[in-house]
Amino acid sequence: MDSGHLDKRHEKFCDDAETRSRSAAGLDRREFMAAAGATAVVAAAGLGATEAEAAFSDRVAGITQDEPMELIGTGVSAQERFFKKFEEVSGGLQVTGQVASLADSVQKWITGGYETFSMIETNAFRTPALREAETIAPIPVEKITNWEFADTLFSDPAHVGADHTSGWPVEMVYWDDTRTSFGMLPQIYNMDALGILPHKFAETQTDRLTPDTLGVLYEGQWRDVDVRGKVSIQNEDLIGPPRCASYLVKNRKMDPVKVGYGDLEPDELKNVIDFLIGAKQDGVFRALWTNYGEAVNLLASEEVWGIDCWNPVIEDVKKRGIPCFYVDVWEGTGAWYYGMCLSSEAPQPEVAMAYMDWCLEGWRGAADAEQGYYSPCPDTARNYMTEEAWLKWYEGRGRDTGPKLRRQSNIAYWMIWPRQITLFIKEWNRFLAA
């Protein structure tokens, strides 16, 4: 596995960012480095874990409830351990959650669930659907006190890793340009890539390298390794096409896209689906995975050797004693953020917003790191992490994919809500039916 492409992209992004910042501020290099250092010190400042918990308890002391507040989310967020910790530090406020897939949770929410659940935790690219259905409400910025510690990736469209065309992720964070309220408050984020079983590839290679390309998912061959029937891709109509498009364009099998990988034009979408149908008919895919457990089992059983998946999938496979790598492919990764929306009919809005604020307080961010996810407020999470854990999950020491900032420089696209949403669904169904 060669990570040289990551280092080169990271260096270029850092050089470009420094040039832009110095130019905008009118600083010479020495002044720029001094200012950057001061900013880092300020950003890292904050309360320690004990003080943070005490301060949070004080802030929510006046909130009361008659019954537990309900939310709906996926298995990575709607966890009993999170609810119990929130109850402990909030002085007794109770939360319960219903677990559902991304698609099912949104469907349940829109068809009436928003009147029962006070909040939904889901992928940000689904926010427009929630808003169009008038099922979510703005979240006042003053209610989320821990936002002051948020990474500027979520407030500055020029940040390393931000999409300068779509405006993501900032585009989805705020309710409107006034930035006085949130539309989708970030909870966790990551960059999805390729999961592989290294021993299935390296053993046959004289240089012991393993794949660092999405091609292993689509071509049925990597070097002299036949992987037909040994790979799996996610069954998701808004994720499958952009990822495949990034592979085709970067490998000159398709013309550059006009707008973005996540917002393909009709002719571009058709080309991508035609290519995927060809791969399917050639027997490349062992399966299309839908839920988290399925992805874990496909790798852990060694039924597949390569899969496009979420970082925690790889961590769970490793826990079973199976060698497994998470690879930031040279074509670039698909970035996303998962967040929290407030119901427009929230039965307990104050409890919901208190819970949202707590999710950024630090304890939750530290727990999410162990799942392989980044917190939008890394400095608060660090207060609850050992130095070893911080170096691993954020600085990349011993982690397959390396440091967070270097990974952000390798983002190919953000998973967004496309203009041609109906066509995305139609074309993906054409692929499924082929």
Protein backbone atom coordinates (compact mmCIF):
# COMPACT_ATOMS: atom_id res chain seq x y z
CA MET A 1 0.00 0.00 0.00
CA ASP A 2 1.62 3.23 -1.19
CA SER A 3 0.61 6.42 0.64
CA GLY A 4 2.92 8.76 -1.26
CA HIS A 5 -0.05 10.34 -3.03
CA LEU A 6 -1.44 11.42 0.34
CA ASP A 7 1.76 13.16 1.35
CA LYS A 8 1.98 15.05 -1.93
CA ARG A 9 -1.64 16.22 -1.78
CA HIS A 10 -1.28 17.23 1.83
CA GLU A 11 1.85 19.29 1.11
CA LYS A 12 0.12 21.06 -1.78
CA PHE A 13 -2.97 21.85 0.29
CA CYS A 14 -0.85 23.22 3.13
CA ASP A 15 1.24 25.35 0.80
CA ASP A 16 -1.86 26.71 -0.92
CA ALA A 17 -3.58 27.40 2.41
CA GLU A 18 -0.54 29.24 3.76
CA THR A 19 -0.29 31.36 0.63
CA ARG A 20 -3.98 32.30 0.77
CA SER A 21 -3.86 33.10 4.48
CA ARG A 22 -0.72 35.20 4.29
CA SER A 23 -2.05 37.09 1.31
CA ALA A 24 -5.37 37.83 2.97
CA ALA A 25 -3.74 39.00 6.19
CA GLY A 26 -0.83 40.81 4.60
CA LEU A 27 1.70 38.89 6.74
CA ASP A 28 5.21 37.75 5.96
CA ARG A 29 6.11 34.12 6.67
CA ARG A 30 7.43 34.73 10.20
CA GLU A 31 4.31 36.69 11.17
CA PHE A 32 2.09 34.02 9.59
CA MET A 33 3.68 31.17 11.56
CA ALA A 34 3.41 33.17 14.80
CA ALA A 35 -0.27 33.90 14.14
CA ALA A 36 -0.96 30.27 13.26
CA GLY A 37 0.69 29.11 16.48
CA ALA A 38 -1.37 31.55 18.54
CA THR A 39 -4.55 30.33 16.87
CA ALA A 40 -3.67 26.72 17.66
CA VAL A 41 -3.11 27.58 21.32
CA VAL A 42 -6.46 29.38 21.56
CA ALA A 43 -8.28 26.53 19.79
CA ALA A 44 -6.80 23.97 22.16
CA ALA A 45 -7.80 25.97 25.19
CA GLY A 46 -10.88 24.94 27.05
CA LEU A 47 -12.13 23.19 30.13
CA GLY A 48 -10.78 19.88 31.31
CA ALA A 49 -13.04 16.82 31.41
CA THR A 50 -14.19 17.26 35.03
CA GLU A 51 -14.78 20.99 34.66
CA ALA A 52 -16.58 20.50 31.33
CA GLU A 53 -19.00 18.00 32.84
CA ALA A 54 -19.70 20.27 35.79
CA ALA A 55 -20.28 23.28 33.53
CA PHE A 56 -22.65 21.28 31.36
CA SER A 57 -24.59 20.07 34.39
CA ASP A 58 -25.03 23.67 35.51
CA ARG A 59 -26.29 24.78 32.09
CA VAL A 60 -29.05 22.17 31.90
CA ALA A 61 -30.06 22.26 35.55
CA GLY A 62 -33.33 24.08 34.87
CA ILE A 63 -34.61 21.67 32.20
CA THR A 64 -37.35 19.28 33.30
CA GLN A 65 -39.18 16.40 31.64
CA ASP A 66 -42.07 14.03 32.36
CA GLU A 67 -40.88 11.15 30.20
CA PRO A 68 -37.76 10.17 28.22
CA MET A 69 -37.01 12.17 25.09
CA GLU A 70 -36.98 9.97 21.98
CA LEU A 71 -34.67 10.11 18.98
CA ILE A 72 -34.11 7.97 15.90
CA GLY A 73 -30.72 7.16 14.37
CA THR A 74 -28.40 4.39 13.21
CA GLY A 75 -26.52 1.90 15.33
CA VAL A 76 -23.40 4.05 15.44
CA SER A 77 -25.22 6.85 17.26
CA ALA A 78 -28.35 5.56 18.99
CA GLN A 79 -26.50 3.65 21.70
CA GLU A 80 -27.57 2.99 25.26
CA ARG A 81 -24.14 3.90 26.65
CA PHE A 82 -24.53 7.42 25.23
CA PHE A 83 -27.98 7.82 26.75
CA LYS A 84 -26.81 6.64 30.16
CA LYS A 85 -23.82 8.99 30.22
CA PHE A 86 -26.02 11.94 29.22
CA GLU A 87 -28.47 11.09 32.02
CA GLU A 88 -25.57 10.96 34.49
CA VAL A 89 -24.05 14.35 33.62
CA SER A 90 -27.37 16.14 33.01
CA GLY A 91 -28.71 15.33 36.44
CA GLY A 92 -31.34 12.84 35.32
CA LEU A 93 -32.54 13.88 31.85
CA GLN A 94 -33.47 10.71 29.99
CA VAL A 95 -33.12 9.84 26.31
CA THR A 96 -34.18 6.73 24.43
CA GLY A 97 -33.48 5.87 20.81
CA GLN A 98 -34.78 3.76 17.98
CA VAL A 99 -32.20 2.22 15.65
CA ALA A 100 -32.87 2.13 11.92
CA SER A 101 -30.91 2.24 8.67
CA LEU A 102 -30.27 5.63 7.07
CA ALA A 103 -33.03 5.15 4.51
CA ASP A 104 -35.54 3.65 6.96
CA SER A 105 -34.99 6.32 9.61
CA VAL A 106 -35.65 9.11 7.13
CA GLN A 107 -38.73 7.33 5.79
CA LYS A 108 -40.13 6.82 9.30
CA TRP A 109 -39.37 10.42 10.19
CA ILE A 110 -41.03 11.98 7.16
CA THR A 111 -44.13 9.79 7.37
CA GLY A 112 -44.99 10.95 10.87
CA GLY A 113 -42.07 10.06 13.10
CA TYR A 114 -41.12 13.71 13.50
CA GLU A 115 -44.23 14.12 15.66
CA THR A 116 -43.00 11.42 18.06
CA PHE A 117 -39.23 11.80 17.95
CA SER A 118 -37.70 15.08 19.09
CA MET A 119 -34.60 14.64 16.93
CA ILE A 120 -33.11 12.56 14.15
CA GLU A 121 -29.47 11.58 13.70
CA THR A 122 -28.65 10.92 10.05
CA ASN A 123 -26.31 11.68 7.17
CA ALA A 124 -26.22 15.38 6.27
CA PHE A 125 -26.91 14.74 2.59
CA ARG A 126 -30.45 13.73 3.56
CA THR A 127 -31.15 17.05 5.30
CA PRO A 128 -32.75 18.71 2.22
CA ALA A 129 -35.40 15.98 2.13
CA LEU A 130 -36.24 16.58 5.79
CA ARG A 131 -36.41 20.30 5.26
CA GLU A 132 -38.52 20.11 2.10
CA ALA A 133 -41.02 18.01 4.02
CA GLU A 134 -41.12 20.74 6.70
CA THR A 135 -40.24 18.24 9.42
CA ILE A 136 -37.24 20.00 10.96
CA ALA A 137 -36.78 23.34 12.72
CA PRO A 138 -33.81 25.70 13.17
CA ILE A 139 -31.59 25.11 16.20
CA PRO A 140 -30.58 28.43 17.85
CA VAL A 141 -26.79 28.80 17.93
CA GLU A 142 -26.87 29.97 21.56
CA LYS A 143 -28.30 26.59 22.61
CA ILE A 144 -25.16 24.78 21.42
CA THR A 145 -22.48 26.24 23.69
CA ASN A 146 -19.77 23.76 22.67
CA TRP A 147 -19.87 24.97 19.07
CA GLU A 148 -17.19 27.52 19.96
CA PHE A 149 -14.74 24.60 19.88
CA ALA A 150 -15.81 23.36 16.43
CA ASP A 151 -13.30 22.68 13.67
CA THR A 152 -13.37 25.49 11.09
CA LEU A 153 -13.99 22.85 8.42
CA PHE A 154 -17.65 23.37 9.35
CA SER A 155 -17.62 27.16 9.18
CA ASP A 156 -15.03 28.10 6.55
CA PRO A 157 -15.73 27.00 2.93
CA ALA A 158 -12.03 27.55 2.12
CA HIS A 159 -10.81 25.06 4.74
CA VAL A 160 -8.66 22.11 3.71
CA GLY A 161 -11.05 19.41 2.54
CA ALA A 162 -14.06 21.65 1.95
CA ASP A 163 -15.74 21.47 -1.45
CA HIS A 164 -15.26 24.87 -3.06
CA THR A 165 -17.94 24.13 -5.68
CA SER A 166 -20.82 22.83 -3.55
CA GLY A 167 -19.92 24.70 -0.37
CA TRP A 168 -20.06 21.49 1.65
CA PRO A 169 -19.97 20.85 4.52
CA VAL A 170 -20.73 24.44 5.58
CA GLU A 171 -23.68 24.53 3.17
CA MET A 172 -25.63 22.09 5.34
CA VAL A 173 -24.56 23.24 8.81
CA TYR A 174 -26.46 26.51 9.07
CA TRP A 175 -30.16 27.19 8.55
CA ASP A 176 -29.45 30.30 6.45
CA ASP A 177 -26.76 32.89 5.71
CA THR A 178 -27.32 34.71 9.00
CA ARG A 179 -25.69 31.78 10.83
CA THR A 180 -27.89 32.40 13.86
CA SER A 181 -29.21 28.83 13.84
CA PHE A 182 -28.23 25.36 12.68
CA GLY A 183 -30.05 23.21 10.17
CA MET A 184 -28.00 20.03 10.63
CA LEU A 185 -25.67 20.18 13.63
CA PRO A 186 -22.56 18.00 13.00
CA GLN A 187 -22.05 15.05 15.32
CA ILE A 188 -19.37 12.91 13.61
CA TYR A 189 -17.63 12.89 10.25
CA ASN A 190 -15.22 10.84 8.18
CA MET A 191 -13.93 10.08 4.71
CA ASP A 192 -15.03 6.72 3.31
CA ALA A 193 -12.66 4.64 1.27
CA LEU A 194 -11.62 1.06 0.65
CA GLY A 195 -11.42 -1.82 3.09
CA ILE A 196 -9.19 -4.73 2.12
CA LEU A 197 -7.76 -7.98 3.49
CA PRO A 198 -4.03 -7.34 2.89
CA HIS A 199 -2.97 -10.97 3.07
CA LYS A 200 -5.13 -11.80 0.06
CA PHE A 201 -3.07 -9.44 -2.08
CA ALA A 202 0.41 -8.93 -0.61
CA GLU A 203 1.35 -12.63 -0.53
CA THR A 204 1.46 -12.80 -4.32
CA GLN A 205 3.36 -9.51 -4.80
CA THR A 206 7.14 -9.37 -4.77
CA ASP A 207 7.01 -5.83 -3.36
CA ARG A 208 4.36 -6.83 -0.78
CA LEU A 209 2.13 -3.92 -1.83
CA THR A 210 -1.64 -3.96 -1.49
CA PRO A 211 -4.23 -2.03 -3.54
CA ASP A 212 -4.57 1.73 -3.11
CA THR A 213 -7.16 2.15 -5.86
CA LEU A 214 -10.93 1.89 -6.21
CA GLY A 215 -10.26 -0.20 -9.29
CA VAL A 216 -10.16 -3.29 -7.12
CA LEU A 217 -13.93 -2.83 -6.62
CA TYR A 218 -14.87 -2.50 -10.27
CA GLU A 219 -12.36 -4.13 -12.60
CA GLY A 220 -12.20 -7.68 -11.26
CA GLN A 221 -8.40 -7.56 -11.38
CA TRP A 222 -5.55 -5.94 -9.46
CA ARG A 223 -2.15 -6.64 -10.91
CA ASP A 224 -2.20 -10.43 -11.31
CA VAL A 225 -4.88 -11.00 -8.66
CA ASP A 226 -8.32 -12.04 -9.92
CA VAL A 227 -10.88 -10.54 -7.54
CA ARG A 228 -14.07 -11.28 -9.46
CA GLY A 229 -16.67 -12.43 -6.98
CA LYS A 230 -14.43 -11.24 -4.13
CA VAL A 231 -15.57 -7.65 -3.72
CA SER A 232 -18.66 -5.86 -2.48
CA ILE A 233 -20.04 -2.32 -2.85
CA GLN A 234 -22.66 -0.52 -0.81
CA ASN A 235 -26.25 -0.63 -2.02
CA GLU A 236 -26.90 3.12 -1.77
CA ASP A 237 -28.21 5.23 -4.65
CA LEU A 238 -26.56 8.47 -3.49
CA ILE A 239 -23.18 6.93 -2.61
CA GLY A 240 -22.53 4.34 -5.31
CA PRO A 241 -22.56 6.65 -8.38
CA PRO A 242 -20.23 9.39 -7.03
CA ARG A 243 -17.63 6.89 -5.85
CA CYS A 244 -17.61 5.04 -9.16
CA ALA A 245 -17.52 8.34 -11.08
CA SER A 246 -14.41 9.44 -9.16
CA TYR A 247 -12.70 6.21 -10.19
CA LEU A 248 -13.67 6.54 -13.86
CA VAL A 249 -12.61 10.18 -14.16
CA LYS A 250 -9.32 9.83 -12.29
CA ASN A 251 -8.41 6.80 -14.42
CA ARG A 252 -9.40 8.57 -17.68
CA LYS A 253 -12.23 6.19 -18.42
CA MET A 254 -14.71 9.08 -18.41
CA ASP A 255 -14.53 12.81 -19.14
CA PRO A 256 -14.24 15.19 -16.16
CA VAL A 257 -17.62 15.88 -14.58
CA LYS A 258 -19.25 19.25 -15.22
CA VAL A 259 -20.32 20.05 -11.64
CA GLY A 260 -19.18 17.41 -9.15
CA TYR A 261 -19.11 13.69 -8.44
CA GLY A 262 -22.02 14.03 -6.03
CA ASP A 263 -24.09 16.06 -8.50
CA LEU A 264 -23.74 14.18 -11.78
CA GLU A 265 -25.51 15.32 -14.93
CA PRO A 266 -27.91 12.83 -16.63
CA ASP A 267 -25.41 11.74 -19.30
CA GLU A 268 -22.66 11.30 -16.70
CA LEU A 269 -24.92 9.29 -14.44
CA LYS A 270 -25.90 7.05 -17.37
CA ASN A 271 -22.24 6.38 -18.19
CA VAL A 272 -21.50 5.44 -14.58
CA ILE A 273 -24.45 3.06 -14.30
CA ASP A 274 -23.64 1.47 -17.66
CA PHE A 275 -20.12 0.79 -16.38
CA LEU A 276 -21.42 -0.70 -13.12
CA ILE A 277 -23.85 -2.93 -15.00
CA GLY A 278 -20.96 -4.19 -17.11
CA ALA A 279 -18.96 -5.00 -13.97
CA LYS A 280 -21.98 -6.73 -12.44
CA GLN A 281 -22.52 -8.86 -15.52
CA ASP A 282 -18.83 -9.76 -15.50
CA GLY A 283 -19.29 -11.24 -12.04
CA VAL A 284 -17.13 -8.68 -10.23
CA PHE A 285 -19.44 -8.20 -7.22
CA ARG A 286 -19.92 -10.92 -4.66
CA ALA A 287 -22.70 -8.92 -3.00
CA LEU A 288 -24.15 -5.48 -2.49
CA TRP A 289 -24.10 -4.70 1.22
CA THR A 290 -26.82 -2.68 2.94
CA ASN A 291 -26.24 -2.67 6.70
CA TYR A 292 -23.22 -2.35 8.94
CA GLY A 293 -23.25 -5.89 10.29
CA GLU A 294 -23.40 -7.31 6.79
CA ALA A 295 -20.27 -5.39 5.79
CA VAL A 296 -18.39 -6.63 8.86
CA ASN A 297 -19.39 -10.24 8.24
CA LEU A 298 -18.44 -10.16 4.56
CA LEU A 299 -14.88 -9.17 5.46
CA ALA A 300 -14.52 -11.15 8.68
CA SER A 301 -15.60 -14.36 6.94
CA GLU A 302 -13.14 -13.53 4.13
CA GLU A 303 -16.03 -13.92 1.72
CA VAL A 304 -14.86 -10.67 0.16
CA TRP A 305 -11.34 -9.25 -0.04
CA GLY A 306 -12.24 -5.68 -0.88
CA ILE A 307 -15.21 -3.49 0.03
CA ASP A 308 -16.20 0.18 0.05
CA CYS A 309 -17.17 0.73 3.64
CA TRP A 310 -17.12 2.78 6.83
CA ASN A 311 -14.03 2.99 9.02
CA PRO A 312 -15.66 1.25 12.05
CA VAL A 313 -16.29 -1.81 9.88
CA ILE A 314 -12.55 -2.28 9.59
CA GLU A 315 -11.99 -1.73 13.30
CA ASP A 316 -14.56 -4.42 14.13
CA VAL A 317 -12.99 -6.88 11.70
CA LYS A 318 -9.59 -6.29 13.32
CA LYS A 319 -11.13 -7.06 16.73
CA ARG A 320 -11.96 -10.52 15.37
CA GLY A 321 -8.30 -11.16 14.66
CA ILE A 322 -8.53 -10.71 10.89
CA PRO A 323 -5.79 -8.55 9.30
CA CYS A 324 -7.61 -5.64 7.66
CA PHE A 325 -6.62 -2.27 6.17
CA TYR A 326 -8.60 0.91 5.59
CA VAL A 327 -7.10 2.53 2.51
CA ASP A 328 -7.30 6.18 1.45
CA VAL A 329 -7.28 5.43 -2.27
CA TRP A 330 -5.30 7.60 -4.66
CA GLU A 331 -8.48 8.63 -6.51
CA GLY A 332 -9.62 10.40 -3.35
CA THR A 333 -12.22 9.61 -0.70
CA GLY A 334 -15.91 10.36 -0.22
CA ALA A 335 -16.41 12.70 2.73
CA TRP A 336 -19.58 12.97 4.78
CA TYR A 337 -20.82 14.25 8.05
CA TYR A 338 -23.53 12.79 10.21
CA GLY A 339 -25.52 15.13 12.36
CA MET A 340 -28.56 16.05 14.38
CA CYS A 341 -31.79 17.74 13.33
CA LEU A 342 -34.53 19.09 15.59
CA SER A 343 -38.12 18.11 14.84
CA SER A 344 -40.46 20.92 13.82
CA GLU A 345 -42.96 19.26 16.19
CA ALA A 346 -40.46 18.22 18.85
CA PRO A 347 -42.27 17.04 22.00
CA GLN A 348 -39.18 17.94 24.08
CA PRO A 349 -37.07 20.49 22.18
CA GLU A 350 -35.10 21.72 25.20
CA VAL A 351 -33.98 18.21 26.11
CA ALA A 352 -33.13 17.50 22.48
CA MET A 353 -30.94 20.59 22.21
CA ALA A 354 -29.27 19.85 25.53
CA TYR A 355 -28.44 16.38 24.23
CA MET A 356 -27.06 17.86 21.00
CA ASP A 357 -24.84 20.20 22.99
CA TRP A 358 -23.63 17.31 25.14
CA CYS A 359 -22.68 15.32 22.01
CA LEU A 360 -20.05 18.02 21.37
CA GLU A 361 -18.95 18.34 25.01
CA GLY A 362 -16.13 15.81 24.63
CA TRP A 363 -17.01 12.48 26.24
CA ARG A 364 -19.06 11.44 23.23
CA GLY A 365 -16.35 12.59 20.80
CA ALA A 366 -13.76 10.45 22.58
CA ALA A 367 -16.08 7.44 22.40
CA ASP A 368 -16.72 8.06 18.70
CA ALA A 369 -12.98 8.11 18.03
CA GLU A 370 -12.82 4.48 19.12
CA GLN A 371 -15.40 3.75 16.42
CA GLY A 372 -13.13 5.38 13.86
CA TYR A 373 -14.99 8.71 13.60
CA TYR A 374 -13.85 12.31 14.02
CA SER A 375 -15.65 14.78 16.25
CA PRO A 376 -16.47 18.23 14.82
CA CYS A 377 -15.10 19.53 18.16
CA PRO A 378 -11.78 17.68 18.41
CA ASP A 379 -10.38 19.78 21.27
CA THR A 380 -13.22 18.87 23.62
CA ALA A 381 -12.86 15.20 22.66
CA ARG A 382 -9.15 15.36 23.41
CA ASN A 383 -9.91 16.26 27.02
CA TYR A 384 -11.36 12.76 27.44
CA MET A 385 -8.70 10.86 25.46
CA THR A 386 -5.36 9.44 26.50
CA GLU A 387 -2.38 10.85 24.62
CA GLU A 388 -1.95 7.45 22.97
CA ALA A 389 -5.56 7.46 21.75
CA TRP A 390 -5.27 11.04 20.44
CA LEU A 391 -2.07 10.24 18.54
CA LYS A 392 -3.72 7.20 16.99
CA TRP A 393 -7.13 8.51 15.99
CA TYR A 394 -6.31 12.12 15.13
CA GLU A 395 -2.58 12.22 14.43
CA GLY A 396 -2.61 8.86 12.66
CA ARG A 397 0.16 7.17 14.62
CA GLY A 398 -0.29 3.48 13.86
CA ARG A 399 -3.54 4.11 12.00
CA ASP A 400 -3.90 2.73 8.47
CA THR A 401 -4.95 6.03 6.93
CA GLY A 402 -2.67 8.45 8.74
CA PRO A 403 -3.37 11.93 10.22
CA LYS A 404 -6.77 13.61 9.96
CA LEU A 405 -5.54 16.70 8.14
CA ARG A 406 -3.68 14.64 5.57
CA ARG A 407 -6.84 12.62 4.96
CA GLN A 408 -8.85 15.81 4.49
CA SER A 409 -6.46 16.85 1.73
CA ASN A 410 -7.36 13.65 -0.14
CA ILE A 411 -11.13 14.21 -0.30
CA ALA A 412 -12.46 13.77 -3.83
CA TYR A 413 -16.04 14.83 -3.08
CA TRP A 414 -18.63 15.34 -0.35
CA MET A 415 -21.75 13.21 -0.31
CA ILE A 416 -24.44 15.75 -1.14
CA TRP A 417 -28.11 15.88 -2.11
CA PRO A 418 -28.00 16.01 -5.94
CA ARG A 419 -30.21 18.17 -8.13
CA GLN A 420 -31.14 15.08 -10.14
CA ILE A 421 -32.27 13.07 -7.10
CA THR A 422 -35.08 11.25 -8.90
CA LEU A 423 -32.74 10.24 -11.72
CA PHE A 424 -30.13 8.97 -9.23
CA ILE A 425 -32.74 6.67 -7.71
CA LYS A 426 -34.04 5.56 -11.12
CA GLU A 427 -30.60 4.82 -12.51
CA TRP A 428 -29.47 2.94 -9.40
CA ASN A 429 -32.59 0.79 -9.64
CA ARG A 430 -31.62 0.09 -13.26
CA PHE A 431 -28.27 -1.19 -11.97
CA LEU A 432 -29.98 -3.34 -9.33
CA ALA A 433 -32.36 -4.85 -11.86
CA ALA A 434 -29.65 -5.67 -14.43
